[in-house]
Amino acid sequence: MDIYQEEVVQRALRGENVIIWLPTGGGKTRAAVYVAKKHLENNPGAKVAVLVNKVHLVDQLYNNEFKPFLGLDYSLVSISGDCDQKEFFGCNVKNSDLVICTAQILENALTNQEEGKHVELSQFTLLIIDECHHTHKEGVYNKIMGRYVAQKLKGERRLPQILGLTASPGTGGAKSIKGAVEHVLQICANLDSVIVSSKVYAPELKKKVPRPRKRFDIVDKRPQDPFGDHLKFMMQFIHDFMALGPDFPVREFGTQEYEADVVILEKKGVTDRNRLLAQCALHLRQYNDALLINDTVRMVDAFRVLESYYSTKSSIAMDGTDFFLLGLYQENEVELRKLSGDARFENPKMGKLQNTLLEQFDQGKPSRGILFSKTRKSTHCLYDWVSNNPALQRAGIRAAILTGAGNGINYMTQNEQKETIRTFRRGSLNLLISTSVAEEGLDIPECNLVVRYGLLTNEIAQQQASGRARASDSVYSVVAQAGGREVRRELLNECLEDLTGRAIGEVQRMEHREFQMKITDLQTEALLTRQLAEQLKIKKRSRFSAATVQLSCRGCFVPVAFGNDIKVIENAHHVNINPDFEKYYKTGGQPALKTFEDWEPGRVISCAACGRQWGMEMVYKEIALLPILAIENFAMETPEGRKLAKKWKNVEFTVEEFNFSTYCHSKFPNMFD
């Protein structure tokens, strides 16, 4: 270990709860390995859990950090969502000295009472929390630490030591020193820890972690944009068709603010039973997405988004609104295609991005970089551009996409994530085109270029992204439009980064007694707030009887189910058990999902009347074929009017647990005679 690392671990080695604040690349994880090693050596029967917030970090920490230093003397196991070992997490904990897992795995085990799967916090003697600045609000880290704090306040003494790791706690949105100090204190309270950093050996740390050379690659605004102008003309045509009146002022097309407006419009259309308004809002959001893509990547990418959307609409038009919206696109499709292919009006940011990449990759020396973009869609567009750009290909750029794991065409599986990172680390790939999933924790020392492209993020994300460029003489580039919000946000983030440091300094200078009193007050307040929120949730979930709530398709308003038709499996999957429900939906393709312990995915399901996607089928215990529904695709008719919910946890009726035995008796009565 370096001398500044030895400095920051001293209090942790004495058994105190500590947050280590070191910059990205400063060796926080290596310091944590050292603390874990000493903890296991000095405490017979000790048990360590290392928690991470992203799946790919489980393997990285296991293979690159903990196994090389502890693997010979101690029993280590790594567990993430895509491995079978998570099903018997309790047994793995019992049989291991150190467990590395995603925080959600531990949270599931704390709530699961089944033998072999359940664990208690008291089984661990040291809890290491990576990227611990996420320990706030409703995040999974804070759920775990909420239990810890509740037990501590009750006087429980058999609790693990806490070691948090962060490159930046941030300011929590505060722009004053007072607000930033409050935020840092809240993070300390949530983790029941003091925050330490290098003081005596700060100069050595600065030498060890040189910052990349930051530059703004600024491009002038596109002088003419006939493609974008045509999209705006079509959007105005839809607004005229809606005849909203002066009560609905329209913000600028092609902005995030306008997107927020049309989301509200769609909700209003659904709750007011105004299908014209709801459908026009949905289509306007697609046009706005196309404008945002046109501003970020190529015109053809924006056109393809609309082309893909409308390719599914012609077969399911059901009223005059659908025919108007479909007709408007079809009448303008040829012109849009023509305009999107006119190279004279291409997005100038693409040329600037090409030059930025070529400056690093076309120098005859090995380079490795990460190109950060905002959305999964834009990463796919950028990958297509890089792969088909002759100049970039001649420069030897071998790119791949890295996005978050999930379900759907633009998502990656967890194994795909891991393989992409492994290939990049080996050097077979030299450019990752990534969403924020690669900002935190990804350890590639040779990375010498980071490009932030069309991003508006906070100071934590900026510092994390900058920290990916760890090679000597590395470059951190912000490609942005002159006078754009990206540059202003980057400059603000630099001020907030400085404010974070000053706030941490103030917290560290507080008298011990004052600090402890403040932490206890914040913990008590947070506990009471959580308890009150839980009571309100319970009250909300029993507001209506399930039988009095009717579910209608959000796309066409056709009533299709009642609340008491819905049951929940494993506290996660909400299924309709009414056999008559199948007449309301049609089935499509198979989603790209693996098979799970008790169920496997079936086909995608959508409304038979309007085609709105509702969810997918599941085959449960190899017998029950059940439709899983996403509540965001439905409107709920309640005794107090029509309501919407984004997630099932927000519905105002109780959803009963699915009973497999009862289902089988009703579905196959002759089997049990």
Foldseek 3Di string as FASTA:
>chain_A
DDPQLVVQCVVVLVVAAEEEAAFQQLCLLQSVLVSLVSCPVVDPLAAEEEEEAADLVQCVCCVPHNCVVCVVPWFEEEDEDPDPVLVQVVVVRVPGRYYYYYLVSLVLQCPDPDPSNHDDQLSHAEYEYEQLLQCDDPDSNLVVLLVVLVCVVVPDDSHHRYYYYHNFNFQVPDPDLVSSLVSVLLSCLSSVHAYDGGDPCVVVSCVSFPFAAEDELADAAQPDQVLLVVLVVLLVVLVVVVCPPPVQDADDALDVVNLVSLVVQLQCCLQVVNLLSNVSSVVSNLSSVLSPLQQFAALVLSLVSVVVVLVPLPVFDDDPSSCVSSVSCVVCSVVSVVSRPPPVRIHVLVVSVVVVVCVALVPPDDAAEEEEDADLSNLVRVVVCLVPPVVNVVSVAAEDEAEDADWDDSHDHSVVNNVVLVCCLVPVHRYYYYYLSQLPDSDRQRHQEYEYGPDQDALRSVSSSSSNRRYPNGYYYYRYYVVDPRVVRVVSSVSSRVSSVVSSVVLVPDDPVVSVVSSSVSSVVVSVVVVVVVVVLVQQQAVAAQQQKWKAFSNNRHTQGTRQQWADEPNPFIWGLPPVNVVQKDWDAWMPDDADDFKDWDTWIAGPNRGHTFATWIQGNVHDTTGTGQQQRIWMQHPVGIDGDRGPSNHRHHHHHDDPVVSCCVVPVVVPD
